[in-house]
Amino acid sequence: MRLITNGAARALGKLGDTQGVHRAIGEADDLMLRNDAPGGIASSITLGCYSRAQAVSNATTAYVPLEMPDKVQHYIGLAVPEITSYGSPWSQSLVKIDLASSFLWSRNRDFEHARALAREALEASAGRPVVSVQQRAAGFIRAVTAIRGSAPQIAEIREIAGTLGPPRPPAGPGRLP
């Protein structure tokens, strides 16, 4: 389930493969129904099974690049109660940034609501930056810029995101973490 939602579905979303995302998310849902998914939020470095909240929050992220606000909002609605009760500032930031992005593509393109959510998301994990929050914030800023150009209102989000520092390259051969 972890590889399907965090790997395949998200990659297919970035490639623009809507049907592939639908299939991958459906497959992950079937696996969760047939197996006991744990509660809570497992560590991202564990090899164990994702919880339902983690799986559906990754489904959310798979639908963001496809600009499908209804799907994003649906899956966030499923994930938020458990993510909120768990208290992970990073998980909360990530789903709020995804939710903020969904308002950029909604019928009424609620830019102000999107901006407010992005600000809340970044404030939730301020002082505790992780690469995934930095990357997601950068993606939100790129999306806003593509839609609205250099809107002065996005300066606040850029400033908050800038305090997180630049995303660090992943550790790998010849690199220190």
N, C-alpha and C. Protein backbone atom coordinates (compact mmCIF):
# COMPACT_ATOMS: atom_id res chain seq x y z
N MET A 1 0.82 -1.18 0.00
CA MET A 1 0.00 0.00 0.00
C MET A 1 0.88 1.26 0.00
N ARG A 2 1.95 1.23 0.75
CA ARG A 2 2.86 2.37 0.81
C ARG A 2 3.42 2.71 -0.57
N LEU A 3 3.89 1.70 -1.29
CA LEU A 3 4.45 1.95 -2.62
C LEU A 3 3.39 2.39 -3.62
N ILE A 4 2.18 1.90 -3.44
CA ILE A 4 1.12 2.26 -4.37
C ILE A 4 0.73 3.73 -4.19
N THR A 5 0.49 4.15 -2.93
CA THR A 5 0.02 5.53 -2.72
C THR A 5 1.14 6.54 -2.73
N ASN A 6 2.24 6.25 -2.04
CA ASN A 6 3.32 7.22 -1.94
C ASN A 6 4.23 7.18 -3.16
N GLY A 7 4.24 6.08 -3.84
CA GLY A 7 5.10 5.94 -5.01
C GLY A 7 4.33 6.05 -6.32
N ALA A 8 3.63 4.99 -6.66
CA ALA A 8 2.98 4.91 -7.97
C ALA A 8 1.94 6.00 -8.19
N ALA A 9 0.98 6.15 -7.27
CA ALA A 9 -0.10 7.12 -7.49
C ALA A 9 0.44 8.54 -7.62
N ARG A 10 1.37 8.90 -6.74
CA ARG A 10 1.91 10.26 -6.79
C ARG A 10 2.73 10.48 -8.07
N ALA A 11 3.49 9.47 -8.49
CA ALA A 11 4.26 9.60 -9.73
C ALA A 11 3.32 9.71 -10.93
N LEU A 12 2.28 8.89 -10.94
CA LEU A 12 1.32 8.95 -12.04
C LEU A 12 0.63 10.31 -12.09
N GLY A 13 0.34 10.88 -10.92
CA GLY A 13 -0.26 12.21 -10.88
C GLY A 13 0.65 13.25 -11.49
N LYS A 14 1.94 13.18 -11.17
CA LYS A 14 2.90 14.13 -11.74
C LYS A 14 3.04 13.96 -13.24
N LEU A 15 2.80 12.75 -13.72
CA LEU A 15 2.87 12.48 -15.16
C LEU A 15 1.57 12.84 -15.87
N GLY A 16 0.56 13.21 -15.10
CA GLY A 16 -0.72 13.59 -15.71
C GLY A 16 -1.61 12.41 -16.06
N ASP A 17 -1.34 11.25 -15.52
CA ASP A 17 -2.09 10.03 -15.84
C ASP A 17 -3.26 9.87 -14.87
N THR A 18 -4.37 10.50 -15.18
CA THR A 18 -5.55 10.47 -14.31
C THR A 18 -6.06 9.06 -14.09
N GLN A 19 -6.21 8.29 -15.16
CA GLN A 19 -6.71 6.92 -15.03
C GLN A 19 -5.76 6.06 -14.20
N GLY A 20 -4.46 6.27 -14.38
CA GLY A 20 -3.48 5.53 -13.59
C GLY A 20 -3.59 5.85 -12.11
N VAL A 21 -3.84 7.12 -11.78
CA VAL A 21 -4.02 7.50 -10.37
C VAL A 21 -5.28 6.84 -9.82
N HIS A 22 -6.37 6.90 -10.57
CA HIS A 22 -7.61 6.27 -10.12
C HIS A 22 -7.38 4.77 -9.84
N ARG A 23 -6.68 4.09 -10.76
CA ARG A 23 -6.42 2.65 -10.59
C ARG A 23 -5.57 2.39 -9.35
N ALA A 24 -4.49 3.17 -9.19
CA ALA A 24 -3.58 2.96 -8.06
C ALA A 24 -4.29 3.21 -6.73
N ILE A 25 -5.07 4.27 -6.65
CA ILE A 25 -5.80 4.57 -5.42
C ILE A 25 -6.84 3.49 -5.14
N GLY A 26 -7.51 3.03 -6.18
CA GLY A 26 -8.46 1.93 -6.01
C GLY A 26 -7.79 0.66 -5.50
N GLU A 27 -6.61 0.36 -6.03
CA GLU A 27 -5.86 -0.81 -5.59
C GLU A 27 -5.45 -0.66 -4.12
N ALA A 28 -5.02 0.52 -3.73
CA ALA A 28 -4.64 0.76 -2.34
C ALA A 28 -5.86 0.64 -1.43
N ASP A 29 -7.01 1.15 -1.86
CA ASP A 29 -8.24 1.01 -1.08
C ASP A 29 -8.58 -0.47 -0.88
N ASP A 30 -8.47 -1.26 -1.94
CA ASP A 30 -8.75 -2.70 -1.84
C ASP A 30 -7.80 -3.37 -0.84
N LEU A 31 -6.52 -3.01 -0.90
CA LEU A 31 -5.56 -3.59 0.04
C LEU A 31 -5.89 -3.21 1.48
N MET A 32 -6.30 -1.97 1.70
CA MET A 32 -6.65 -1.55 3.06
C MET A 32 -7.88 -2.30 3.57
N LEU A 33 -8.83 -2.58 2.69
CA LEU A 33 -10.03 -3.31 3.10
C LEU A 33 -9.71 -4.77 3.44
N ARG A 34 -8.76 -5.37 2.73
CA ARG A 34 -8.41 -6.78 2.94
C ARG A 34 -7.42 -6.97 4.09
N ASN A 35 -6.74 -5.92 4.49
CA ASN A 35 -5.71 -6.01 5.53
C ASN A 35 -6.02 -5.00 6.63
N ASP A 36 -5.51 -5.27 7.80
CA ASP A 36 -5.72 -4.33 8.90
C ASP A 36 -4.67 -3.24 8.85
N ALA A 37 -5.07 -2.08 8.37
CA ALA A 37 -4.16 -0.93 8.37
C ALA A 37 -4.07 -0.40 9.79
N PRO A 38 -2.88 -0.07 10.25
CA PRO A 38 -2.74 0.44 11.62
C PRO A 38 -3.36 1.83 11.75
N GLY A 39 -3.66 2.23 12.97
CA GLY A 39 -4.13 3.58 13.23
C GLY A 39 -2.94 4.51 13.39
N GLY A 40 -3.22 5.79 13.58
CA GLY A 40 -2.16 6.75 13.82
C GLY A 40 -1.38 7.08 12.56
N ILE A 41 -0.18 7.58 12.78
CA ILE A 41 0.70 7.94 11.67
C ILE A 41 2.04 7.24 11.93
N ALA A 42 2.35 6.25 11.11
CA ALA A 42 3.62 5.54 11.26
C ALA A 42 4.77 6.42 10.80
N SER A 43 5.92 6.17 11.32
CA SER A 43 7.11 6.91 10.91
C SER A 43 7.32 6.73 9.41
N SER A 44 7.78 7.79 8.77
CA SER A 44 8.01 7.71 7.33
C SER A 44 9.19 6.82 6.97
N ILE A 45 9.99 6.44 7.96
CA ILE A 45 11.14 5.59 7.66
C ILE A 45 10.91 4.13 8.02
N THR A 46 9.74 3.82 8.54
CA THR A 46 9.43 2.43 8.86
C THR A 46 9.09 1.67 7.58
N LEU A 47 9.28 0.38 7.62
CA LEU A 47 8.88 -0.46 6.49
C LEU A 47 7.49 -1.04 6.70
N GLY A 48 6.86 -0.66 7.80
CA GLY A 48 5.53 -1.15 8.11
C GLY A 48 4.47 -0.54 7.21
N CYS A 49 3.25 -0.99 7.44
CA CYS A 49 2.10 -0.56 6.65
C CYS A 49 1.70 0.87 6.99
N TYR A 50 1.28 1.60 5.99
CA TYR A 50 0.72 2.92 6.19
C TYR A 50 -0.63 2.81 6.89
N SER A 51 -0.97 3.83 7.66
CA SER A 51 -2.31 3.91 8.23
C SER A 51 -3.25 4.41 7.13
N ARG A 52 -4.53 4.32 7.40
CA ARG A 52 -5.52 4.83 6.43
C ARG A 52 -5.30 6.32 6.20
N ALA A 53 -5.01 7.07 7.27
CA ALA A 53 -4.78 8.52 7.14
C ALA A 53 -3.60 8.81 6.22
N GLN A 54 -2.53 8.05 6.35
CA GLN A 54 -1.37 8.26 5.48
C GLN A 54 -1.68 7.90 4.04
N ALA A 55 -2.39 6.81 3.85
CA ALA A 55 -2.72 6.39 2.49
C ALA A 55 -3.61 7.42 1.80
N VAL A 56 -4.64 7.89 2.50
CA VAL A 56 -5.53 8.85 1.84
C VAL A 56 -4.88 10.22 1.70
N SER A 57 -3.96 10.58 2.60
CA SER A 57 -3.27 11.87 2.39
C SER A 57 -2.35 11.79 1.18
N ASN A 58 -1.79 10.61 0.91
CA ASN A 58 -0.99 10.45 -0.31
C ASN A 58 -1.88 10.43 -1.55
N ALA A 59 -3.09 9.92 -1.41
CA ALA A 59 -4.04 9.99 -2.53
C ALA A 59 -4.31 11.45 -2.85
N THR A 60 -4.47 12.25 -1.82
CA THR A 60 -4.67 13.69 -1.99
C THR A 60 -3.55 14.28 -2.82
N THR A 61 -2.33 13.97 -2.44
CA THR A 61 -1.16 14.52 -3.12
C THR A 61 -1.08 14.04 -4.57
N ALA A 62 -1.57 12.85 -4.85
CA ALA A 62 -1.58 12.34 -6.23
C ALA A 62 -2.53 13.14 -7.11
N TYR A 63 -3.62 13.64 -6.52
CA TYR A 63 -4.60 14.39 -7.30
C TYR A 63 -4.26 15.88 -7.45
N VAL A 64 -3.34 16.39 -6.64
CA VAL A 64 -2.98 17.82 -6.73
C VAL A 64 -2.45 18.19 -8.11
N PRO A 65 -1.45 17.49 -8.66
CA PRO A 65 -0.94 17.92 -9.97
C PRO A 65 -1.95 17.72 -11.10
N LEU A 66 -2.98 16.92 -10.85
CA LEU A 66 -4.03 16.73 -11.85
C LEU A 66 -5.07 17.85 -11.78
N GLU A 67 -4.90 18.73 -10.80
CA GLU A 67 -5.79 19.88 -10.61
C GLU A 67 -7.25 19.42 -10.49
N MET A 68 -7.47 18.46 -9.59
CA MET A 68 -8.79 17.90 -9.35
C MET A 68 -9.23 18.26 -7.92
N PRO A 69 -9.76 19.48 -7.73
CA PRO A 69 -10.07 19.94 -6.38
C PRO A 69 -11.07 19.07 -5.63
N ASP A 70 -12.06 18.51 -6.32
CA ASP A 70 -13.04 17.68 -5.62
C ASP A 70 -12.40 16.43 -5.02
N LYS A 71 -11.51 15.80 -5.78
CA LYS A 71 -10.80 14.61 -5.27
C LYS A 71 -9.88 14.99 -4.12
N VAL A 72 -9.14 16.08 -4.28
CA VAL A 72 -8.22 16.53 -3.22
C VAL A 72 -9.01 16.77 -1.94
N GLN A 73 -10.09 17.51 -2.03
CA GLN A 73 -10.88 17.85 -0.85
C GLN A 73 -11.55 16.61 -0.24
N HIS A 74 -11.98 15.68 -1.08
CA HIS A 74 -12.59 14.44 -0.58
C HIS A 74 -11.58 13.66 0.28
N TYR A 75 -10.40 13.43 -0.26
CA TYR A 75 -9.41 12.64 0.47
C TYR A 75 -8.87 13.37 1.69
N ILE A 76 -8.77 14.68 1.62
CA ILE A 76 -8.35 15.43 2.81
C ILE A 76 -9.39 15.29 3.91
N GLY A 77 -10.65 15.32 3.53
CA GLY A 77 -11.71 15.12 4.52
C GLY A 77 -11.60 13.79 5.24
N LEU A 78 -11.12 12.77 4.53
CA LEU A 78 -10.93 11.46 5.15
C LEU A 78 -9.69 11.42 6.04
N ALA A 79 -8.66 12.17 5.68
CA ALA A 79 -7.39 12.11 6.40
C ALA A 79 -7.31 13.03 7.62
N VAL A 80 -7.92 14.20 7.53
CA VAL A 80 -7.71 15.24 8.54
C VAL A 80 -8.06 14.82 9.97
N PRO A 81 -9.18 14.15 10.22
CA PRO A 81 -9.48 13.83 11.63
C PRO A 81 -8.35 13.06 12.33
N GLU A 82 -7.82 12.04 11.67
CA GLU A 82 -6.76 11.26 12.28
C GLU A 82 -5.44 12.04 12.32
N ILE A 83 -5.14 12.77 11.28
CA ILE A 83 -3.91 13.56 11.25
C ILE A 83 -3.94 14.62 12.35
N THR A 84 -5.09 15.24 12.54
CA THR A 84 -5.23 16.25 13.58
C THR A 84 -5.07 15.63 14.97
N SER A 85 -5.68 14.47 15.19
CA SER A 85 -5.59 13.85 16.51
C SER A 85 -4.18 13.35 16.80
N TYR A 86 -3.44 12.99 15.77
CA TYR A 86 -2.07 12.51 15.95
C TYR A 86 -1.14 13.67 16.31
N GLY A 87 -1.40 14.85 15.78
CA GLY A 87 -0.65 16.03 16.16
C GLY A 87 0.65 16.27 15.42
N SER A 88 0.90 15.59 14.32
CA SER A 88 2.13 15.80 13.57
C SER A 88 2.06 17.14 12.83
N PRO A 89 2.92 18.11 13.18
CA PRO A 89 2.86 19.40 12.48
C PRO A 89 3.19 19.27 11.00
N TRP A 90 4.03 18.31 10.64
CA TRP A 90 4.42 18.14 9.24
C TRP A 90 3.26 17.58 8.43
N SER A 91 2.60 16.56 8.95
CA SER A 91 1.44 16.00 8.25
C SER A 91 0.36 17.04 8.09
N GLN A 92 0.12 17.82 9.14
CA GLN A 92 -0.88 18.87 9.07
C GLN A 92 -0.50 19.92 8.02
N SER A 93 0.78 20.28 7.99
CA SER A 93 1.24 21.25 6.98
C SER A 93 1.04 20.72 5.58
N LEU A 94 1.41 19.47 5.36
CA LEU A 94 1.32 18.90 4.01
C LEU A 94 -0.12 18.84 3.51
N VAL A 95 -1.05 18.38 4.35
CA VAL A 95 -2.43 18.30 3.87
C VAL A 95 -3.04 19.69 3.70
N LYS A 96 -2.64 20.65 4.53
CA LYS A 96 -3.18 22.01 4.36
C LYS A 96 -2.65 22.66 3.08
N ILE A 97 -1.40 22.39 2.74
CA ILE A 97 -0.87 22.94 1.48
C ILE A 97 -1.61 22.31 0.30
N ASP A 98 -1.85 21.00 0.37
CA ASP A 98 -2.62 20.35 -0.70
C ASP A 98 -4.03 20.94 -0.78
N LEU A 99 -4.65 21.16 0.38
CA LEU A 99 -5.99 21.76 0.40
C LEU A 99 -5.95 23.17 -0.19
N ALA A 100 -4.93 23.94 0.18
CA ALA A 100 -4.78 25.29 -0.36
C ALA A 100 -4.67 25.23 -1.89
N SER A 101 -3.90 24.30 -2.40
CA SER A 101 -3.76 24.16 -3.84
C SER A 101 -5.09 23.86 -4.51
N SER A 102 -5.92 23.05 -3.85
CA SER A 102 -7.20 22.69 -4.45
C SER A 102 -8.09 23.92 -4.66
N PHE A 103 -7.97 24.92 -3.82
CA PHE A 103 -8.78 26.13 -3.98
C PHE A 103 -8.30 27.00 -5.14
N LEU A 104 -7.09 26.75 -5.61
CA LEU A 104 -6.61 27.48 -6.78
C LEU A 104 -7.33 27.02 -8.05
N TRP A 105 -7.83 25.77 -8.04
CA TRP A 105 -8.47 25.20 -9.24
C TRP A 105 -9.97 25.02 -9.08
N SER A 106 -10.50 25.39 -7.93
CA SER A 106 -11.94 25.24 -7.73
C SER A 106 -12.68 26.19 -8.67
N ARG A 107 -13.95 25.97 -8.83
CA ARG A 107 -14.73 26.78 -9.78
C ARG A 107 -14.59 28.27 -9.55
N ASN A 108 -14.59 28.67 -8.28
CA ASN A 108 -14.51 30.10 -8.01
C ASN A 108 -13.07 30.58 -7.74
N ARG A 109 -12.10 29.68 -7.89
CA ARG A 109 -10.68 30.02 -7.69
C ARG A 109 -10.50 30.94 -6.49
N ASP A 110 -10.74 30.40 -5.32
CA ASP A 110 -10.69 31.16 -4.08
C ASP A 110 -9.24 31.38 -3.65
N PHE A 111 -8.61 32.36 -4.29
CA PHE A 111 -7.21 32.64 -4.03
C PHE A 111 -6.97 33.07 -2.58
N GLU A 112 -7.83 33.88 -2.03
CA GLU A 112 -7.63 34.37 -0.66
C GLU A 112 -7.69 33.22 0.35
N HIS A 113 -8.63 32.31 0.16
CA HIS A 113 -8.73 31.16 1.05
C HIS A 113 -7.49 30.26 0.89
N ALA A 114 -7.06 30.08 -0.34
CA ALA A 114 -5.85 29.28 -0.60
C ALA A 114 -4.64 29.90 0.09
N ARG A 115 -4.51 31.20 -0.02
CA ARG A 115 -3.38 31.90 0.61
C ARG A 115 -3.42 31.75 2.13
N ALA A 116 -4.61 31.91 2.72
CA ALA A 116 -4.75 31.78 4.17
C ALA A 116 -4.41 30.36 4.64
N LEU A 117 -4.86 29.36 3.90
CA LEU A 117 -4.54 27.97 4.25
C LEU A 117 -3.05 27.69 4.13
N ALA A 118 -2.42 28.20 3.08
CA ALA A 118 -0.98 28.00 2.91
C ALA A 118 -0.21 28.65 4.06
N ARG A 119 -0.64 29.84 4.46
CA ARG A 119 0.01 30.51 5.59
C ARG A 119 -0.14 29.66 6.86
N GLU A 120 -1.35 29.18 7.14
CA GLU A 120 -1.59 28.31 8.31
C GLU A 120 -0.72 27.06 8.24
N ALA A 121 -0.63 26.49 7.06
CA ALA A 121 0.16 25.27 6.88
C ALA A 121 1.62 25.50 7.23
N LEU A 122 2.17 26.59 6.75
CA LEU A 122 3.58 26.87 7.00
C LEU A 122 3.82 27.26 8.46
N GLU A 123 2.87 27.94 9.06
CA GLU A 123 3.01 28.31 10.47
C GLU A 123 2.92 27.08 11.37
N ALA A 124 2.17 26.06 10.96
CA ALA A 124 2.00 24.85 11.77
C ALA A 124 3.32 24.12 11.99
N SER A 125 4.22 24.19 11.02
CA SER A 125 5.50 23.49 11.17
C SER A 125 6.68 24.45 11.19
N ALA A 126 6.42 25.73 11.44
CA ALA A 126 7.50 26.72 11.50
C ALA A 126 8.49 26.33 12.59
N GLY A 127 9.74 26.51 12.29
CA GLY A 127 10.79 26.16 13.24
C GLY A 127 11.17 24.69 13.20
N ARG A 128 10.43 23.90 12.46
CA ARG A 128 10.70 22.46 12.35
C ARG A 128 10.62 22.05 10.88
N PRO A 129 11.40 22.70 10.02
CA PRO A 129 11.24 22.44 8.59
C PRO A 129 11.66 21.03 8.19
N VAL A 130 10.91 20.48 7.26
CA VAL A 130 11.29 19.22 6.62
C VAL A 130 11.22 19.45 5.12
N VAL A 131 11.98 18.70 4.40
CA VAL A 131 12.09 18.89 2.95
C VAL A 131 10.73 18.80 2.27
N SER A 132 9.89 17.85 2.68
CA SER A 132 8.61 17.69 1.99
C SER A 132 7.72 18.92 2.14
N VAL A 133 7.74 19.58 3.30
CA VAL A 133 6.95 20.80 3.47
C VAL A 133 7.53 21.91 2.60
N GLN A 134 8.85 22.02 2.56
CA GLN A 134 9.50 23.03 1.73
C GLN A 134 9.16 22.82 0.25
N GLN A 135 9.23 21.58 -0.19
CA GLN A 135 8.93 21.28 -1.59
C GLN A 135 7.46 21.55 -1.93
N ARG A 136 6.57 21.16 -1.03
CA ARG A 136 5.15 21.37 -1.28
C ARG A 136 4.84 22.86 -1.29
N ALA A 137 5.46 23.64 -0.41
CA ALA A 137 5.25 25.09 -0.40
C ALA A 137 5.76 25.71 -1.70
N ALA A 138 6.91 25.25 -2.17
CA ALA A 138 7.45 25.76 -3.43
C ALA A 138 6.51 25.43 -4.59
N GLY A 139 5.91 24.25 -4.58
CA GLY A 139 4.95 23.88 -5.62
C GLY A 139 3.71 24.76 -5.58
N PHE A 140 3.24 25.07 -4.38
CA PHE A 140 2.08 25.96 -4.23
C PHE A 140 2.41 27.34 -4.80
N ILE A 141 3.58 27.86 -4.47
CA ILE A 141 3.99 29.18 -4.95
C ILE A 141 4.10 29.18 -6.47
N ARG A 142 4.65 28.10 -7.05
CA ARG A 142 4.72 28.00 -8.52
C ARG A 142 3.33 28.00 -9.14
N ALA A 143 2.40 27.27 -8.52
CA ALA A 143 1.03 27.20 -9.06
C ALA A 143 0.36 28.56 -9.00
N VAL A 144 0.50 29.26 -7.89
CA VAL A 144 -0.09 30.60 -7.77
C VAL A 144 0.51 31.53 -8.81
N THR A 145 1.81 31.47 -8.96
CA THR A 145 2.49 32.34 -9.93
C THR A 145 2.03 32.04 -11.35
N ALA A 146 1.82 30.75 -11.67
CA ALA A 146 1.34 30.38 -13.01
C ALA A 146 -0.07 30.90 -13.26
N ILE A 147 -0.88 30.94 -12.22
CA ILE A 147 -2.27 31.37 -12.37
C ILE A 147 -2.41 32.88 -12.32
N ARG A 148 -1.70 33.51 -11.37
CA ARG A 148 -1.92 34.93 -11.12
C ARG A 148 -0.71 35.81 -11.40
N GLY A 149 0.37 35.22 -11.85
CA GLY A 149 1.58 36.02 -12.05
C GLY A 149 2.20 36.35 -10.70
N SER A 150 2.92 37.42 -10.65
CA SER A 150 3.58 37.81 -9.40
C SER A 150 2.62 38.59 -8.52
N ALA A 151 1.61 37.91 -8.02
CA ALA A 151 0.61 38.56 -7.17
C ALA A 151 1.27 39.02 -5.87
N PRO A 152 1.06 40.28 -5.50
CA PRO A 152 1.69 40.79 -4.28
C PRO A 152 1.26 40.01 -3.04
N GLN A 153 0.06 39.45 -3.05
CA GLN A 153 -0.42 38.70 -1.90
C GLN A 153 0.39 37.44 -1.63
N ILE A 154 1.06 36.93 -2.62
CA ILE A 154 1.84 35.71 -2.42
C ILE A 154 3.18 36.02 -1.75
N ALA A 155 3.56 37.28 -1.67
CA ALA A 155 4.82 37.67 -1.03
C ALA A 155 4.88 37.15 0.41
N GLU A 156 3.76 37.20 1.11
CA GLU A 156 3.71 36.71 2.48
C GLU A 156 4.06 35.22 2.54
N ILE A 157 3.52 34.45 1.61
CA ILE A 157 3.79 33.01 1.58
C ILE A 157 5.25 32.76 1.22
N ARG A 158 5.76 33.51 0.26
CA ARG A 158 7.18 33.39 -0.10
C ARG A 158 8.07 33.69 1.10
N GLU A 159 7.71 34.72 1.84
CA GLU A 159 8.51 35.12 3.00
C GLU A 159 8.50 34.02 4.07
N ILE A 160 7.32 33.50 4.38
CA ILE A 160 7.24 32.43 5.38
C ILE A 160 7.99 31.19 4.88
N ALA A 161 7.78 30.84 3.63
CA ALA A 161 8.48 29.67 3.07
C ALA A 161 9.99 29.90 3.06
N GLY A 162 10.41 31.13 2.83
CA GLY A 162 11.84 31.45 2.83
C GLY A 162 12.49 31.26 4.18
N THR A 163 11.71 31.43 5.26
CA THR A 163 12.27 31.23 6.59
C THR A 163 12.52 29.75 6.88
N LEU A 164 11.91 28.88 6.08
CA LEU A 164 12.13 27.46 6.26
C LEU A 164 13.50 27.04 5.74
N GLY A 165 14.10 27.87 4.92
CA GLY A 165 15.38 27.55 4.32
C GLY A 165 15.17 26.78 3.03
N PRO A 166 16.21 26.69 2.22
CA PRO A 166 16.06 25.97 0.95
C PRO A 166 15.95 24.48 1.19
N PRO A 167 15.20 23.79 0.35
CA PRO A 167 15.15 22.33 0.48
C PRO A 167 16.55 21.76 0.34
N ARG A 168 16.87 20.85 1.24
CA ARG A 168 18.19 20.21 1.18
C ARG A 168 18.13 19.04 0.22
N PRO A 169 19.24 18.79 -0.50
CA PRO A 169 19.24 17.60 -1.37
C PRO A 169 19.19 16.35 -0.52
N PRO A 170 18.59 15.30 -1.06
CA PRO A 170 18.51 14.06 -0.28
C PRO A 170 19.88 13.46 -0.05
N ALA A 171 20.01 12.75 1.06
CA ALA A 171 21.26 12.05 1.34
C ALA A 171 21.43 10.96 0.32
N GLY A 172 22.61 10.68 -0.04
CA GLY A 172 22.87 9.63 -1.01
C GLY A 172 24.34 9.33 -1.05
N PRO A 173 24.77 8.52 -1.99
CA PRO A 173 26.19 8.19 -2.08
C PRO A 173 27.03 9.46 -2.18
N GLY A 174 27.96 9.59 -1.30
CA GLY A 174 28.87 10.74 -1.32
C GLY A 174 28.27 12.00 -0.70
N ARG A 175 27.05 11.90 -0.15
CA ARG A 175 26.42 13.05 0.49
C ARG A 175 26.14 12.72 1.94
N LEU A 176 26.32 13.69 2.78
CA LEU A 176 25.99 13.52 4.18
C LEU A 176 24.56 13.96 4.39
N PRO A 177 23.83 13.28 5.27
CA PRO A 177 22.43 13.67 5.50
C PRO A 177 22.34 15.02 6.17
